[in-house]
Every structure is written in C-alpha cells, then in structure tokens.
Amino acid sequence: MIEFKEEVTAEQVEDVYNRWSSLKGLCVRSDSQKPYITKQMAGRNISLEKLTGGFTHIFIEEFKNEQDRNYYLKKDPAHRDFGKIVEPLVKSAQSVQNDDDIYFDNKSWYGSRCRTLSEPADADYF
C-alpha cells in the first residue's frame, strides 16, 4: 500500500503503475530465466471507511511459492530498480504478505489442508 507525496502528479502515478505492470514480464528467476509473478492487481483506494491510514493506492503480486516471493523481495534486479524509481515519490508505504492457507493458530474448524501460524514458514526470510 502506498501513499504518494502530495506533489506527485497523476502522470507520475500512471508511470509508476505502468512500470509496476511491466514487472510481471521483467522479473525472471536467474536460475530458470522464467517469469515468476503469477498475478498482479492494483488500484486506487476507494474505501469509504476512515481506516485507510492515508494510503492511496494498492499493488498486489501473487507468487506460486515462498521461494519466488523471497526472490522478488531480496534478489530480483528489476524489482530493485523499480524501487529506486518509486521511492522518491512515496510519502509512506506498508507491505502486507499473506498465505491463503493460514487463517488462525488452530486447525480445528477448517480442517487439515491449511498450515497454522505456529507451523514454520521460510525461516530464512525472517
């Protein structure tokens, strides 16, 4: 989630969106030379609730697995270059990461297909 600085123009926001959209094709694993972002979604915050924290836009990426996500966050040069371009335009940002298979620290009500919060994730990332 991003809150752009007040002086950032609509054209600059559009440029950020276009550059971000191109990451799906530009971000490739160095070991396979294949793209690994499976889905992207983005948009302007249109919430009527007063809980937005000032964030004006959201950018969401989906990955097949934690290894791809970690590569994106830690190693991908295209993502790093994108960050260098966007950072001067951002007043504040917040990153949220979720796992669709983790809901609560108790499997009792939703079955065994889901990993719980107490089960280890990728320890290298934390």
Protein backbone atom coordinates (compact mmCIF):
# COMPACT_ATOMS: atom_id res chain seq x y z
CA MET A 1 0.00 0.00 0.00
CA ILE A 2 1.33 3.40 -0.93
CA GLU A 3 0.65 6.99 -0.05
CA PHE A 4 2.23 9.17 -2.70
CA LYS A 5 3.66 12.56 -1.76
CA GLU A 6 1.25 15.45 -2.32
CA GLU A 7 3.34 16.91 -5.14
CA VAL A 8 3.25 13.68 -7.17
CA THR A 9 1.22 14.21 -10.33
CA ALA A 10 -1.35 11.89 -11.89
CA GLU A 11 1.10 11.31 -14.74
CA GLN A 12 3.78 10.17 -12.29
CA VAL A 13 1.33 7.78 -10.61
CA GLU A 14 0.39 6.41 -14.03
CA ASP A 15 4.09 5.94 -14.82
CA VAL A 16 4.56 4.02 -11.56
CA TYR A 17 1.60 1.81 -12.45
CA ASN A 18 2.93 1.15 -15.96
CA ARG A 19 6.41 0.32 -14.66
CA TRP A 20 4.95 -1.92 -11.97
CA SER A 21 2.74 -3.70 -14.53
CA SER A 22 5.80 -4.47 -16.63
CA LEU A 23 7.44 -6.30 -13.72
CA LYS A 24 5.38 -9.41 -14.46
CA GLY A 25 7.43 -9.91 -17.62
CA LEU A 26 10.69 -8.35 -16.42
CA CYS A 27 11.05 -10.29 -13.18
CA VAL A 28 12.64 -13.60 -14.08
CA ARG A 29 14.39 -16.13 -11.88
CA SER A 30 18.13 -16.16 -12.53
CA ASP A 31 18.19 -19.96 -12.28
CA SER A 32 15.39 -20.63 -14.80
CA GLN A 33 15.17 -17.39 -16.82
CA LYS A 34 11.37 -17.69 -16.48
CA PRO A 35 8.91 -15.09 -15.16
CA TYR A 36 7.53 -16.00 -11.75
CA ILE A 37 4.92 -13.38 -10.81
CA THR A 38 1.66 -15.27 -11.35
CA LYS A 39 -0.81 -12.40 -10.92
CA GLN A 40 -0.88 -8.64 -10.39
CA MET A 41 -3.69 -6.41 -9.17
CA ALA A 42 -3.60 -2.70 -8.45
CA GLY A 43 -5.86 0.24 -7.93
CA ARG A 44 -6.69 3.45 -6.17
CA ASN A 45 -8.02 3.18 -2.63
CA ILE A 46 -11.76 3.88 -2.80
CA SER A 47 -12.65 2.81 0.74
CA LEU A 48 -15.40 4.77 2.48
CA GLU A 49 -14.09 3.66 5.87
CA LYS A 50 -11.86 6.02 7.78
CA LEU A 51 -9.29 3.26 8.28
CA THR A 52 -7.09 3.81 5.23
CA GLY A 53 -4.14 5.30 7.10
CA GLY A 54 -3.63 7.73 4.23
CA PHE A 55 -2.74 5.02 1.73
CA THR A 56 -3.99 5.99 -1.71
CA HIS A 57 -3.01 3.01 -3.89
CA ILE A 58 -2.50 -0.71 -3.52
CA PHE A 59 -0.28 -3.00 -5.56
CA ILE A 60 -0.65 -6.77 -5.16
CA GLU A 61 1.51 -9.52 -6.57
CA GLU A 62 0.88 -13.23 -6.32
CA PHE A 63 3.59 -15.86 -6.44
CA LYS A 64 3.49 -19.63 -6.81
CA ASN A 65 5.52 -20.18 -3.65
CA GLU A 66 7.52 -18.53 -0.88
CA GLN A 67 10.78 -19.03 -2.74
CA ASP A 68 9.55 -16.90 -5.66
CA ARG A 69 8.26 -14.24 -3.29
CA ASN A 70 11.57 -14.16 -1.45
CA TYR A 71 13.49 -13.93 -4.72
CA TYR A 72 11.32 -10.94 -5.70
CA LEU A 73 11.90 -9.18 -2.38
CA LYS A 74 15.59 -9.95 -1.91
CA LYS A 75 17.29 -10.61 -5.24
CA ASP A 76 15.41 -9.55 -8.34
CA PRO A 77 17.26 -6.68 -10.07
CA ALA A 78 14.15 -5.49 -11.95
CA HIS A 79 12.23 -5.16 -8.68
CA ARG A 80 15.18 -3.36 -7.07
CA ASP A 81 15.38 -0.91 -10.00
CA PHE A 82 11.63 -0.28 -9.75
CA GLY A 83 12.01 0.50 -6.05
CA LYS A 84 14.70 3.09 -6.76
CA ILE A 85 12.36 4.90 -9.16
CA VAL A 86 9.31 4.78 -6.88
CA GLU A 87 10.92 5.53 -3.52
CA PRO A 88 11.35 9.31 -4.07
CA LEU A 89 7.62 9.61 -4.88
CA VAL A 90 6.34 7.80 -1.79
CA LYS A 91 5.31 9.53 1.42
CA SER A 92 4.61 6.25 3.20
CA ALA A 93 4.23 2.60 2.35
CA GLN A 94 3.19 -0.57 4.05
CA SER A 95 3.76 -4.14 2.99
CA VAL A 96 1.37 -6.92 3.88
CA GLN A 97 2.02 -10.53 2.98
CA ASN A 98 -0.42 -13.34 3.46
CA ASP A 99 -0.71 -17.03 2.87
CA ASP A 100 -4.18 -18.09 1.76
CA ASP A 101 -3.72 -21.34 3.68
CA ILE A 102 -3.07 -19.70 7.07
CA TYR A 103 -6.01 -18.24 8.94
CA PHE A 104 -5.72 -18.87 12.64
CA ASP A 105 -3.49 -20.75 15.04
CA ASN A 106 -5.99 -23.58 15.22
CA LYS A 107 -6.92 -26.13 12.54
CA SER A 108 -9.95 -27.49 14.38
CA TRP A 109 -12.67 -25.67 12.46
CA TYR A 110 -11.27 -25.61 8.92
CA GLY A 111 -9.54 -28.96 8.51
CA SER A 112 -6.03 -30.10 7.83
CA ARG A 113 -5.35 -28.60 4.39
CA CYS A 114 -4.25 -25.31 5.97
CA ARG A 115 -0.98 -24.56 7.69
CA THR A 116 -1.33 -22.76 11.02
CA LEU A 117 0.56 -19.72 12.25
CA SER A 118 2.62 -21.89 14.58
CA GLU A 119 3.94 -24.02 11.72
CA PRO A 120 7.20 -22.77 10.27
CA ALA A 121 7.33 -20.70 7.12
CA ASP A 122 10.53 -19.86 5.30
CA ALA A 123 12.83 -19.25 8.27
CA ASP A 124 15.48 -17.70 6.02
CA TYR A 125 13.20 -14.74 5.30
CA PHE A 126 12.60 -13.71 8.89
